[in-house]
Amino acid sequence: SEKERRLYYDLSHVMPVDQQMDMDRMPLPEAEKLALGYWKEHDPTPETRDNDRLVEHCRRVAYARRHFGRGIWPWDRRGEVYIRYGEPASRETYLDDNATTLGAVSTAQFGVRQIEKWVYKT
């Protein structure tokens, strides 16, 4: 669907805030053209046929839809983080009905919060 396709061209999770545009209001062909131009500029290997960064972005979007989009469109906060930063170096998952862990993402499940702590190496 067009709604699903737009997710792959949405640059809001990867583009610096000061460069973002409201791509949701653009006709899809215009949004696609803008996104493809962005990815061309950020291609780590422009001498090759495939744009490795674009391929990775599409993989991340698909992963976010599949793993973090259950019950919420298009995904929860974990999907946003995953698209921006990729796979964390490590993950911790635990249940806690009174969790107050700073920086953790929680999802309610049968009245118990599932806490995930993702660690990224810089």
Foldseek 3Di string as FASTA:
>chain_A
DLVLVVLLLQCPLADPPVPDDPLVPPDSVVSNVVSVVVLCVVQPCNVDPDRVLSVVLVVLSVCQQVPACVPHPRGDPVSSVCSHPNAAPDKDKDKDLPDDDPPWDWDDDPSIIITMDGHHDD
